[in-house]
Amino acid sequence: MSSQKLRPFDVVAHIEDEETIRAYLQAALDDPTPGTLWLALDNVAKARERISANKQVRD
């Protein structure tokens, strides 16, 4: 048995542009699981905040 620990997957860290956001939201719309769209919208808001902050640091 390996002693490595797994970290939770953070989808927000993988959303980097509008194309990815569109695809992610479309997948959420296609998923019949209750609450999926709300979770996706929250993740997109966090990702956009991160993207904006990173852009400000670079400028």
Protein backbone atom coordinates (compact mmCIF):
# COMPACT_ATOMS: atom_id res chain seq x y z
CA MET A 1 0.00 0.00 0.00
CA SER A 2 1.33 3.42 -0.96
CA SER A 3 1.77 6.06 1.72
CA GLN A 4 1.03 8.92 -0.69
CA LYS A 5 -1.93 11.10 0.19
CA LEU A 6 -4.32 12.34 -2.45
CA ARG A 7 -5.29 15.99 -2.57
CA PRO A 8 -8.86 16.99 -3.38
CA PHE A 9 -9.39 17.91 -7.02
CA ASP A 10 -9.88 21.66 -7.50
CA VAL A 11 -11.69 22.31 -10.77
CA VAL A 12 -11.21 26.07 -10.36
CA ALA A 13 -7.47 25.65 -10.83
CA HIS A 14 -8.10 24.14 -14.27
CA ILE A 15 -10.47 26.81 -15.60
CA GLU A 16 -8.21 29.25 -17.40
CA ASP A 17 -10.15 30.83 -20.27
CA GLU A 18 -13.60 31.55 -21.68
CA GLU A 19 -13.55 28.50 -23.95
CA THR A 20 -13.03 26.23 -20.95
CA ILE A 21 -15.75 28.08 -19.04
CA ARG A 22 -18.24 27.57 -21.89
CA ALA A 23 -17.46 23.85 -22.10
CA TYR A 24 -17.67 23.43 -18.33
CA LEU A 25 -21.02 25.21 -18.11
CA GLN A 26 -22.40 23.21 -21.04
CA ALA A 27 -21.40 19.99 -19.29
CA ALA A 28 -23.13 21.23 -16.12
CA LEU A 29 -26.28 22.02 -18.11
CA ASP A 30 -26.23 18.52 -19.59
CA ASP A 31 -25.86 16.86 -16.17
CA PRO A 32 -29.23 15.95 -14.60
CA THR A 33 -27.82 15.93 -11.06
CA PRO A 34 -29.59 18.55 -8.90
CA GLY A 35 -27.31 21.42 -7.93
CA THR A 36 -24.69 20.78 -10.59
CA LEU A 37 -25.35 24.05 -12.42
CA TRP A 38 -25.20 26.08 -9.21
CA LEU A 39 -21.89 24.46 -8.26
CA ALA A 40 -20.51 25.11 -11.75
CA LEU A 41 -21.58 28.76 -11.64
CA ASP A 42 -19.87 29.16 -8.27
CA ASN A 43 -16.70 27.54 -9.61
CA VAL A 44 -16.74 29.79 -12.68
CA ALA A 45 -17.11 32.89 -10.50
CA LYS A 46 -14.10 31.79 -8.42
CA ALA A 47 -12.10 31.02 -11.57
CA ARG A 48 -12.90 34.40 -13.13
CA GLU A 49 -11.84 36.11 -9.90
CA ARG A 50 -8.53 34.19 -9.98
CA ILE A 51 -8.02 34.93 -13.68
CA SER A 52 -8.68 38.62 -13.10
CA ALA A 53 -6.29 38.77 -10.15
CA ASN A 54 -3.57 37.03 -12.16
CA LYS A 55 -4.11 39.46 -15.04
CA GLN A 56 -3.74 42.45 -12.69
CA VAL A 57 -0.47 41.06 -11.32
CA ARG A 58 0.93 40.67 -14.84
CA ASP A 59 -0.12 44.17 -15.97
